[in-house]
Amino acid sequence: PRGSNGNGSDGIGMPGSAGTAYPRVSRDPLRQLMSGT
């Protein structure tokens, strides 16, 4: 179902292909900067 992750979209896959079986690994520098644990 759309919005299953609470943000109005499926939350995985690429733009225009909501519901694909692989999550996105962001190449955005800011997201990379904040992705550590």
Full PDB file with SEQRES, HELIX, SHEET, SSBOND, CRYST1, ORIGX, SCALE, CONECT and MASTER records, all heavy atoms in Angstrom:
SEQRES   1 A   37  PRO ARG GLY SER ASN GLY ASN GLY SER ASP GLY ILE GLY          
SEQRES   2 A   37  MET PRO GLY SER ALA GLY THR ALA TYR PRO ARG VAL SER          
SEQRES   3 A   37  ARG ASP PRO LEU ARG GLN LEU MET SER GLY THR                  
HELIX    1 AA1 PRO A   29  LEU A   33  1                                   5    
CRYST1    1.000    1.000    1.000  90.00  90.00  90.00 P 1           1          
ORIGX1      1.000000  0.000000  0.000000        0.00000                         
ORIGX2      0.000000  1.000000  0.000000        0.00000                         
ORIGX3      0.000000  0.000000  1.000000        0.00000                         
SCALE1      1.000000  0.000000  0.000000        0.00000                         
SCALE2      0.000000  1.000000  0.000000        0.00000                         
SCALE3      0.000000  0.000000  1.000000        0.00000                         
ATOM      1  N   PRO A   1       0.834  -1.203   0.000  1.00  0.00           N  
ATOM      2  CA  PRO A   1       0.000   0.000   0.000  1.00  0.00           C  
ATOM      3  C   PRO A   1       0.865   1.247   0.000  1.00  0.00           C  
ATOM      4  O   PRO A   1       1.887   1.299   0.665  1.00  0.00           O  
ATOM      5  CB  PRO A   1      -0.803  -0.106   1.309  1.00  0.00           C  
ATOM      6  CG  PRO A   1      -0.682  -1.532   1.725  1.00  0.00           C  
ATOM      7  CD  PRO A   1       0.606  -2.037   1.188  1.00  0.00           C  
ATOM      8  N   ARG A   2       0.430   2.241  -0.758  1.00  0.00           N  
ATOM      9  CA  ARG A   2       1.151   3.508  -0.750  1.00  0.00           C  
ATOM     10  C   ARG A   2       1.078   4.133   0.630  1.00  0.00           C  
ATOM     11  O   ARG A   2       0.074   4.037   1.318  1.00  0.00           O  
ATOM     12  CB  ARG A   2       0.578   4.465  -1.795  1.00  0.00           C  
ATOM     13  CG  ARG A   2       0.873   4.032  -3.222  1.00  0.00           C  
ATOM     14  CD  ARG A   2       0.426   5.102  -4.210  1.00  0.00           C  
ATOM     15  NE  ARG A   2       1.078   6.373  -3.980  1.00  0.00           N  
ATOM     16  CZ  ARG A   2       2.320   6.651  -4.356  1.00  0.00           C  
ATOM     17  NH1 ARG A   2       3.042   5.724  -4.952  1.00  0.00           N  
ATOM     18  NH2 ARG A   2       2.831   7.853  -4.129  1.00  0.00           N  
ATOM     19  N   GLY A   3       2.175   4.764   1.010  1.00  0.00           N  
ATOM     20  CA  GLY A   3       2.190   5.425   2.311  1.00  0.00           C  
ATOM     21  C   GLY A   3       2.461   4.488   3.458  1.00  0.00           C  
ATOM     22  O   GLY A   3       2.275   4.841   4.613  1.00  0.00           O  
ATOM     23  N   SER A   4       2.953   3.268   3.155  1.00  0.00           N  
ATOM     24  CA  SER A   4       3.177   2.307   4.228  1.00  0.00           C  
ATOM     25  C   SER A   4       4.280   2.732   5.175  1.00  0.00           C  
ATOM     26  O   SER A   4       4.388   2.212   6.269  1.00  0.00           O  
ATOM     27  CB  SER A   4       3.520   0.931   3.634  1.00  0.00           C  
ATOM     28  OG  SER A   4       4.696   1.010   2.848  1.00  0.00           O  
ATOM     29  N   ASN A   5       5.134   3.657   4.746  1.00  0.00           N  
ATOM     30  CA  ASN A   5       6.175   4.129   5.671  1.00  0.00           C  
ATOM     31  C   ASN A   5       5.824   5.467   6.280  1.00  0.00           C  
ATOM     32  O   ASN A   5       6.640   6.109   6.909  1.00  0.00           O  
ATOM     33  CB  ASN A   5       7.534   4.204   4.956  1.00  0.00           C  
ATOM     34  CG  ASN A   5       7.557   5.299   3.897  1.00  0.00           C  
ATOM     35  OD1 ASN A   5       6.519   5.860   3.571  1.00  0.00           O  
ATOM     36  ND2 ASN A   5       8.740   5.587   3.370  1.00  0.00           N  
ATOM     37  N   GLY A   6       4.587   5.927   6.077  1.00  0.00           N  
ATOM     38  CA  GLY A   6       4.119   7.109   6.770  1.00  0.00           C  
ATOM     39  C   GLY A   6       4.445   8.421   6.101  1.00  0.00           C  
ATOM     40  O   GLY A   6       4.128   9.476   6.628  1.00  0.00           O  
ATOM     41  N   ASN A   7       5.075   8.381   4.907  1.00  0.00           N  
ATOM     42  CA  ASN A   7       5.410   9.656   4.273  1.00  0.00           C  
ATOM     43  C   ASN A   7       4.715   9.841   2.933  1.00  0.00           C  
ATOM     44  O   ASN A   7       5.119  10.660   2.122  1.00  0.00           O  
ATOM     45  CB  ASN A   7       6.931   9.798   4.111  1.00  0.00           C  
ATOM     46  CG  ASN A   7       7.508   8.745   3.176  1.00  0.00           C  
ATOM     47  OD1 ASN A   7       6.767   7.960   2.596  1.00  0.00           O  
ATOM     48  ND2 ASN A   7       8.830   8.739   3.050  1.00  0.00           N  
ATOM     49  N   GLY A   8       3.691   9.047   2.665  1.00  0.00           N  
ATOM     50  CA  GLY A   8       2.915   9.251   1.454  1.00  0.00           C  
ATOM     51  C   GLY A   8       3.452   8.531   0.247  1.00  0.00           C  
ATOM     52  O   GLY A   8       2.928   8.648  -0.840  1.00  0.00           O  
ATOM     53  N   SER A   9       4.535   7.784   0.410  1.00  0.00           N  
ATOM     54  CA  SER A   9       5.069   6.997  -0.699  1.00  0.00           C  
ATOM     55  C   SER A   9       5.630   5.718  -0.139  1.00  0.00           C  
ATOM     56  O   SER A   9       5.726   5.518   1.066  1.00  0.00           O  
ATOM     57  CB  SER A   9       6.171   7.775  -1.436  1.00  0.00           C  
ATOM     58  OG  SER A   9       7.274   7.949  -0.591  1.00  0.00           O  
ATOM     59  N   ASP A  10       6.002   4.837  -1.027  1.00  0.00           N  
ATOM     60  CA  ASP A  10       6.466   3.535  -0.563  1.00  0.00           C  
ATOM     61  C   ASP A  10       7.798   3.627   0.165  1.00  0.00           C  
ATOM     62  O   ASP A  10       8.076   2.852   1.054  1.00  0.00           O  
ATOM     63  CB  ASP A  10       6.588   2.587  -1.770  1.00  0.00           C  
ATOM     64  CG  ASP A  10       6.915   1.183  -1.333  1.00  0.00           C  
ATOM     65  OD1 ASP A  10       6.002   0.497  -0.871  1.00  0.00           O  
ATOM     66  OD2 ASP A  10       8.088   0.816  -1.413  1.00  0.00           O  
ATOM     67  N   GLY A  11       8.650   4.560  -0.256  1.00  0.00           N  
ATOM     68  CA  GLY A  11       9.887   4.786   0.480  1.00  0.00           C  
ATOM     69  C   GLY A  11      11.054   3.980   0.000  1.00  0.00           C  
ATOM     70  O   GLY A  11      12.147   4.133   0.494  1.00  0.00           O  
ATOM     71  N   ILE A  12      10.870   3.082  -0.976  1.00  0.00           N  
ATOM     72  CA  ILE A  12      12.011   2.382  -1.541  1.00  0.00           C  
ATOM     73  C   ILE A  12      11.937   2.491  -3.046  1.00  0.00           C  
ATOM     74  O   ILE A  12      10.910   2.815  -3.616  1.00  0.00           O  
ATOM     75  CB  ILE A  12      12.052   0.902  -1.110  1.00  0.00           C  
ATOM     76  CG1 ILE A  12      10.795   0.158  -1.607  1.00  0.00           C  
ATOM     77  CG2 ILE A  12      12.186   0.758   0.375  1.00  0.00           C  
ATOM     78  CD1 ILE A  12      10.848  -1.314  -1.374  1.00  0.00           C  
ATOM     79  N   GLY A  13      13.033   2.187  -3.700  1.00  0.00           N  
ATOM     80  CA  GLY A  13      13.059   2.269  -5.153  1.00  0.00           C  
ATOM     81  C   GLY A  13      13.426   3.650  -5.628  1.00  0.00           C  
ATOM     82  O   GLY A  13      13.774   4.528  -4.861  1.00  0.00           O  
ATOM     83  N   MET A  14      13.332   3.855  -6.927  1.00  0.00           N  
ATOM     84  CA  MET A  14      13.712   5.117  -7.533  1.00  0.00           C  
ATOM     85  C   MET A  14      12.476   5.939  -7.829  1.00  0.00           C  
ATOM     86  O   MET A  14      11.359   5.422  -7.866  1.00  0.00           O  
ATOM     87  CB  MET A  14      14.488   4.845  -8.830  1.00  0.00           C  
ATOM     88  CG  MET A  14      15.774   4.072  -8.611  1.00  0.00           C  
ATOM     89  SD  MET A  14      16.639   3.795 -10.144  1.00  0.00           S  
ATOM     90  CE  MET A  14      15.448   2.798 -11.025  1.00  0.00           C  
ATOM     91  N   PRO A  15      12.668   7.239  -8.067  1.00  0.00           N  
ATOM     92  CA  PRO A  15      11.520   8.075  -8.398  1.00  0.00           C  
ATOM     93  C   PRO A  15      10.757   7.510  -9.592  1.00  0.00           C  
ATOM     94  O   PRO A  15      11.361   7.098 -10.586  1.00  0.00           O  
ATOM     95  CB  PRO A  15      12.157   9.433  -8.737  1.00  0.00           C  
ATOM     96  CG  PRO A  15      13.453   9.426  -8.005  1.00  0.00           C  
ATOM     97  CD  PRO A  15      13.906   8.013  -8.014  1.00  0.00           C  
ATOM     98  N   GLY A  16       9.441   7.457  -9.464  1.00  0.00           N  
ATOM     99  CA  GLY A  16       8.623   6.949 -10.553  1.00  0.00           C  
ATOM    100  C   GLY A  16       8.463   5.447 -10.529  1.00  0.00           C  
ATOM    101  O   GLY A  16       7.783   4.878 -11.367  1.00  0.00           O  
ATOM    102  N   SER A  17       9.116   4.783  -9.582  1.00  0.00           N  
ATOM    103  CA  SER A  17       8.984   3.326  -9.530  1.00  0.00           C  
ATOM    104  C   SER A  17       8.768   2.888  -8.098  1.00  0.00           C  
ATOM    105  O   SER A  17       9.395   1.961  -7.623  1.00  0.00           O  
ATOM    106  CB  SER A  17      10.232   2.660 -10.107  1.00  0.00           C  
ATOM    107  OG  SER A  17      11.359   3.002  -9.344  1.00  0.00           O  
ATOM    108  N   ALA A  18       7.891   3.616  -7.383  1.00  0.00           N  
ATOM    109  CA  ALA A  18       7.609   3.259  -5.997  1.00  0.00           C  
ATOM    110  C   ALA A  18       7.190   1.811  -5.916  1.00  0.00           C  
ATOM    111  O   ALA A  18       6.339   1.353  -6.651  1.00  0.00           O  
ATOM    112  CB  ALA A  18       6.510   4.159  -5.446  1.00  0.00           C  
ATOM    113  N   GLY A  19       7.818   1.065  -5.030  1.00  0.00           N  
ATOM    114  CA  GLY A  19       7.484  -0.340  -4.894  1.00  0.00           C  
ATOM    115  C   GLY A  19       8.528  -1.256  -5.475  1.00  0.00           C  
ATOM    116  O   GLY A  19       8.317  -2.455  -5.526  1.00  0.00           O  
ATOM    117  N   THR A  20       9.677  -0.723  -5.953  1.00  0.00           N  
ATOM    118  CA  THR A  20      10.725  -1.609  -6.446  1.00  0.00           C  
ATOM    119  C   THR A  20      11.374  -2.326  -5.284  1.00  0.00           C  
ATOM    120  O   THR A  20      11.303  -1.890  -4.149  1.00  0.00           O  
ATOM    121  CB  THR A  20      11.787  -0.824  -7.230  1.00  0.00           C  
ATOM    122  OG1 THR A  20      12.222   0.257  -6.428  1.00  0.00           O  
ATOM    123  CG2 THR A  20      11.224  -0.308  -8.541  1.00  0.00           C  
ATOM    124  N   ALA A  21      12.042  -3.422  -5.576  1.00  0.00           N  
ATOM    125  CA  ALA A  21      12.500  -4.320  -4.520  1.00  0.00           C  
ATOM    126  C   ALA A  21      13.869  -3.959  -3.978  1.00  0.00           C  
ATOM    127  O   ALA A  21      14.491  -4.771  -3.321  1.00  0.00           O  
ATOM    128  CB  ALA A  21      12.520  -5.746  -5.055  1.00  0.00           C  
ATOM    129  N   TYR A  22      14.393  -2.786  -4.232  1.00  0.00           N  
ATOM    130  CA  TYR A  22      15.691  -2.410  -3.690  1.00  0.00           C  
ATOM    131  C   TYR A  22      15.608  -0.991  -3.153  1.00  0.00           C  
ATOM    132  O   TYR A  22      15.019  -0.120  -3.766  1.00  0.00           O  
ATOM    133  CB  TYR A  22      16.787  -2.502  -4.757  1.00  0.00           C  
ATOM    134  CG  TYR A  22      16.433  -1.893  -6.074  1.00  0.00           C  
ATOM    135  CD1 TYR A  22      16.649  -0.537  -6.317  1.00  0.00           C  
ATOM    136  CD2 TYR A  22      15.858  -2.659  -7.085  1.00  0.00           C  
ATOM    137  CE1 TYR A  22      16.303   0.034  -7.516  1.00  0.00           C  
ATOM    138  CE2 TYR A  22      15.504  -2.094  -8.291  1.00  0.00           C  
ATOM    139  CZ  TYR A  22      15.734  -0.745  -8.505  1.00  0.00           C  
ATOM    140  OH  TYR A  22      15.388  -0.184  -9.695  1.00  0.00           O  
ATOM    141  N   PRO A  23      16.178  -0.748  -1.981  1.00  0.00           N  
ATOM    142  CA  PRO A  23      16.166   0.603  -1.428  1.00  0.00           C  
ATOM    143  C   PRO A  23      17.229   1.456  -2.089  1.00  0.00           C  
ATOM    144  O   PRO A  23      18.203   0.944  -2.628  1.00  0.00           O  
ATOM    145  CB  PRO A  23      16.491   0.374   0.052  1.00  0.00           C  
ATOM    146  CG  PRO A  23      17.320  -0.853   0.042  1.00  0.00           C  
ATOM    147  CD  PRO A  23      16.799  -1.707  -1.068  1.00  0.00           C  
ATOM    148  N   ARG A  24      17.061   2.762  -2.013  1.00  0.00           N  
ATOM    149  CA  ARG A  24      18.031   3.676  -2.584  1.00  0.00           C  
ATOM    150  C   ARG A  24      19.201   3.886  -1.630  1.00  0.00           C  
ATOM    151  O   ARG A  24      19.017   3.977  -0.430  1.00  0.00           O  
ATOM    152  CB  ARG A  24      17.373   5.009  -2.881  1.00  0.00           C  
ATOM    153  CG  ARG A  24      16.278   4.924  -3.899  1.00  0.00           C  
ATOM    154  CD  ARG A  24      15.635   6.265  -4.114  1.00  0.00           C  
ATOM    155  NE  ARG A  24      16.600   7.242  -4.613  1.00  0.00           N  
ATOM    156  CZ  ARG A  24      16.258   8.453  -5.034  1.00  0.00           C  
ATOM    157  NH1 ARG A  24      15.000   8.824  -5.008  1.00  0.00           N  
ATOM    158  NH2 ARG A  24      17.168   9.288  -5.462  1.00  0.00           N  
ATOM    159  N   VAL A  25      20.401   3.927  -2.179  1.00  0.00           N  
ATOM    160  CA  VAL A  25      21.579   4.328  -1.421  1.00  0.00           C  
ATOM    161  C   VAL A  25      21.941   5.729  -1.905  1.00  0.00           C  
ATOM    162  O   VAL A  25      22.385   5.909  -3.026  1.00  0.00           O  
ATOM    163  CB  VAL A  25      22.753   3.353  -1.637  1.00  0.00           C  
ATOM    164  CG1 VAL A  25      23.983   3.834  -0.873  1.00  0.00           C  
ATOM    165  CG2 VAL A  25      22.362   1.951  -1.204  1.00  0.00           C  
ATOM    166  N   SER A  26      21.715   6.717  -1.069  1.00  0.00           N  
ATOM    167  CA  SER A  26      21.830   8.096  -1.506  1.00  0.00           C  
ATOM    168  C   SER A  26      23.265   8.461  -1.856  1.00  0.00           C  
ATOM    169  O   SER A  26      24.208   8.053  -1.183  1.00  0.00           O  
ATOM    170  CB  SER A  26      21.327   9.035  -0.412  1.00  0.00           C  
ATOM    171  OG  SER A  26      21.535  10.378  -0.791  1.00  0.00           O  
ATOM    172  N   ARG A  27      23.407   9.242  -2.903  1.00  0.00           N  
ATOM    173  CA  ARG A  27      24.704   9.809  -3.259  1.00  0.00           C  
ATOM    174  C   ARG A  27      24.783  11.277  -2.874  1.00  0.00           C  
ATOM    175  O   ARG A  27      25.739  11.959  -3.231  1.00  0.00           O  
ATOM    176  CB  ARG A  27      24.952   9.642  -4.753  1.00  0.00           C  
ATOM    177  CG  ARG A  27      25.152   8.181  -5.153  1.00  0.00           C  
ATOM    178  CD  ARG A  27      25.408   8.053  -6.632  1.00  0.00           C  
ATOM    179  NE  ARG A  27      25.596   6.660  -7.004  1.00  0.00           N  
ATOM    180  CZ  ARG A  27      25.764   6.243  -8.261  1.00  0.00           C  
ATOM    181  NH1 ARG A  27      25.765   7.117  -9.237  1.00  0.00           N  
ATOM    182  NH2 ARG A  27      25.932   4.965  -8.519  1.00  0.00           N  
ATOM    183  N   ASP A  28      23.792  11.774  -2.188  1.00  0.00           N  
ATOM    184  CA  ASP A  28      23.799  13.144  -1.743  1.00  0.00           C  
ATOM    185  C   ASP A  28      24.851  13.302  -0.642  1.00  0.00           C  
ATOM    186  O   ASP A  28      24.817  12.596   0.365  1.00  0.00           O  
ATOM    187  CB  ASP A  28      22.424  13.519  -1.200  1.00  0.00           C  
ATOM    188  CG  ASP A  28      22.413  14.921  -0.629  1.00  0.00           C  
ATOM    189  OD1 ASP A  28      22.601  15.864  -1.401  1.00  0.00           O  
ATOM    190  OD2 ASP A  28      22.233  15.055   0.606  1.00  0.00           O  
ATOM    191  N   PRO A  29      25.801  14.246  -0.802  1.00  0.00           N  
ATOM    192  CA  PRO A  29      26.880  14.380   0.191  1.00  0.00           C  
ATOM    193  C   PRO A  29      26.388  14.608   1.611  1.00  0.00           C  
ATOM    194  O   PRO A  29      26.940  14.064   2.566  1.00  0.00           O  
ATOM    195  CB  PRO A  29      27.684  15.572  -0.330  1.00  0.00           C  
ATOM    196  CG  PRO A  29      27.413  15.614  -1.790  1.00  0.00           C  
ATOM    197  CD  PRO A  29      25.984  15.165  -1.946  1.00  0.00           C  
ATOM    198  N   LEU A  30      25.355  15.420   1.772  1.00  0.00           N  
ATOM    199  CA  LEU A  30      24.859  15.701   3.112  1.00  0.00           C  
ATOM    200  C   LEU A  30      24.281  14.445   3.756  1.00  0.00           C  
ATOM    201  O   LEU A  30      24.483  14.185   4.943  1.00  0.00           O  
ATOM    202  CB  LEU A  30      23.806  16.807   3.072  1.00  0.00           C  
ATOM    203  CG  LEU A  30      23.244  17.237   4.427  1.00  0.00           C  
ATOM    204  CD1 LEU A  30      24.369  17.698   5.350  1.00  0.00           C  
ATOM    205  CD2 LEU A  30      22.213  18.340   4.259  1.00  0.00           C  
ATOM    206  N   ARG A  31      23.566  13.643   2.976  1.00  0.00           N  
ATOM    207  CA  ARG A  31      23.030  12.389   3.516  1.00  0.00           C  
ATOM    208  C   ARG A  31      24.163  11.428   3.882  1.00  0.00           C  
ATOM    209  O   ARG A  31      24.101  10.725   4.876  1.00  0.00           O  
ATOM    210  CB  ARG A  31      22.072  11.735   2.516  1.00  0.00           C  
ATOM    211  CG  ARG A  31      20.722  12.451   2.399  1.00  0.00           C  
ATOM    212  CD  ARG A  31      19.807  11.700   1.437  1.00  0.00           C  
ATOM    213  NE  ARG A  31      18.496  12.306   1.392  1.00  0.00           N  
ATOM    214  CZ  ARG A  31      17.502  12.001   2.213  1.00  0.00           C  
ATOM    215  NH1 ARG A  31      17.692  11.087   3.151  1.00  0.00           N  
ATOM    216  NH2 ARG A  31      16.330  12.587   2.109  1.00  0.00           N  
ATOM    217  N   GLN A  32      25.214  11.390   3.051  1.00  0.00           N  
ATOM    218  CA  GLN A  32      26.363  10.552   3.365  1.00  0.00           C  
ATOM    219  C   GLN A  32      27.033  11.020   4.653  1.00  0.00           C  
ATOM    220  O   GLN A  32      27.454  10.212   5.473  1.00  0.00           O  
ATOM    221  CB  GLN A  32      27.365  10.580   2.209  1.00  0.00           C  
ATOM    222  CG  GLN A  32      26.872   9.902   0.946  1.00  0.00           C  
ATOM    223  CD  GLN A  32      27.882  10.004  -0.183  1.00  0.00           C  
ATOM    224  OE1 GLN A  32      28.879  10.716  -0.075  1.00  0.00           O  
ATOM    225  NE2 GLN A  32      27.624   9.306  -1.276  1.00  0.00           N  
ATOM    226  N   LEU A  33      27.114  12.345   4.810  1.00  0.00           N  
ATOM    227  CA  LEU A  33      27.751  12.912   5.994  1.00  0.00           C  
ATOM    228  C   LEU A  33      27.039  12.482   7.265  1.00  0.00           C  
ATOM    229  O   LEU A  33      27.671  12.227   8.292  1.00  0.00           O  
ATOM    230  CB  LEU A  33      27.744  14.434   5.876  1.00  0.00           C  
ATOM    231  CG  LEU A  33      28.637  15.232   6.813  1.00  0.00           C  
ATOM    232  CD1 LEU A  33      30.094  15.034   6.440  1.00  0.00           C  
ATOM    233  CD2 LEU A  33      28.285  16.713   6.761  1.00  0.00           C  
ATOM    234  N   MET A  34      25.714  12.375   7.198  1.00  0.00           N  
ATOM    235  CA  MET A  34      24.919  12.113   8.391  1.00  0.00           C  
ATOM    236  C   MET A  34      24.512  10.646   8.532  1.00  0.00           C  
ATOM    237  O   MET A  34      23.674  10.303   9.359  1.00  0.00           O  
ATOM    238  CB  MET A  34      23.651  12.980   8.367  1.00  0.00           C  
ATOM    239  CG  MET A  34      23.924  14.474   8.278  1.00  0.00           C  
ATOM    240  SD  MET A  34      24.964  15.081   9.631  1.00  0.00           S  
ATOM    241  CE  MET A  34      23.871  14.808  11.013  1.00  0.00           C  
ATOM    242  N   SER A  35      25.085   9.765   7.718  1.00  0.00           N  
ATOM    243  CA  SER A  35      24.623   8.378   7.700  1.00  0.00           C  
ATOM    244  C   SER A  35      25.361   7.463   8.668  1.00  0.00           C  
ATOM    245  O   SER A  35      25.033   6.299   8.792  1.00  0.00           O  
ATOM    246  CB  SER A  35      24.760   7.802   6.285  1.00  0.00           C  
ATOM    247  OG  SER A  35      26.137   7.729   5.921  1.00  0.00           O  
ATOM    248  N   GLY A  36      26.378   7.971   9.350  1.00  0.00           N  
ATOM    249  CA  GLY A  36      27.174   7.107  10.225  1.00  0.00           C  
ATOM    250  C   GLY A  36      26.462   6.772  11.522  1.00  0.00           C  
ATOM    251  O   GLY A  36      25.471   7.403  11.904  1.00  0.00           O  
ATOM    252  N   THR A  37      26.959   5.789  12.209  1.00  0.00           N  
ATOM    253  CA  THR A  37      26.425   5.380  13.508  1.00  0.00           C  
ATOM    254  C   THR A  37      27.541   5.422  14.539  1.00  0.00           C  
ATOM    255  O   THR A  37      28.613   4.875  14.315  1.00  0.00           O  
ATOM    256  CB  THR A  37      25.846   3.954  13.442  1.00  0.00           C  
ATOM    257  OG1 THR A  37      24.793   3.928  12.472  1.00  0.00           O  
ATOM    258  CG2 THR A  37      25.280   3.551  14.800  1.00  0.00           C  
TER     259      THR A  37                                                      
MASTER        0    0    0    1    0    0    0    6  258    1    0    3          
END                                                                             
